[in-house]
């Protein structure tokens, strides 16, 4: 997304509460903001909501904007922070859905199968929760959301090599953690099931 710097006089008027300046800012940036959110999140309803929220926040906190700094960078930073928060919320929701699905599946199995699967699931979740924050986010985005390295790098504003390195470290840690609780054969089955190899 190529944002163009808006005239500093417009920004100054906007900070002072000028509605016409806000309209100019909206007209200049809304389309590109929408495109960038959509590229990152690929969810039309969520993107509509986020674009709306971004401009509401922009107006609400306009007095915090430094008119001597790049306005387009301010919007770009806001956009990426909001997209990252939305991704985290989406990952949490999917994690809950997976947990609920897992619990429904367990209802049709024997008590021994239920116990084993629940134990494996809890151990895996413990391993994931022990990852450092950024590594945990990258693991969830790549392995649960099945996002590409490029998508994750763009969302988190980091390089693809950082995504790759963090993911390798996360999977190594999870394999070691799970290996302390299960035999090698069981571990291979678990890791294949959760696509962690």
Foldseek 3Di string as FASTA:
>chain_A
DDADFDDLVLLVCLLVPDPVSLVVVCVRPLVVLLVVLCLLPVDNVVSVVVSVVLSVVCSVCSPVDDSVDGPVVVSVVSSLVVSLVVLVVVLVVLVVVVVVVLVVVLVPDDPVVSVVVVVLVVLLVVLLVPQPPVLSSLQSCCQVVVDQLVSSCSSNVHDSVVSVVSLVVSLVSSLVSVVVPDPPVVSVVSCVVSVSD
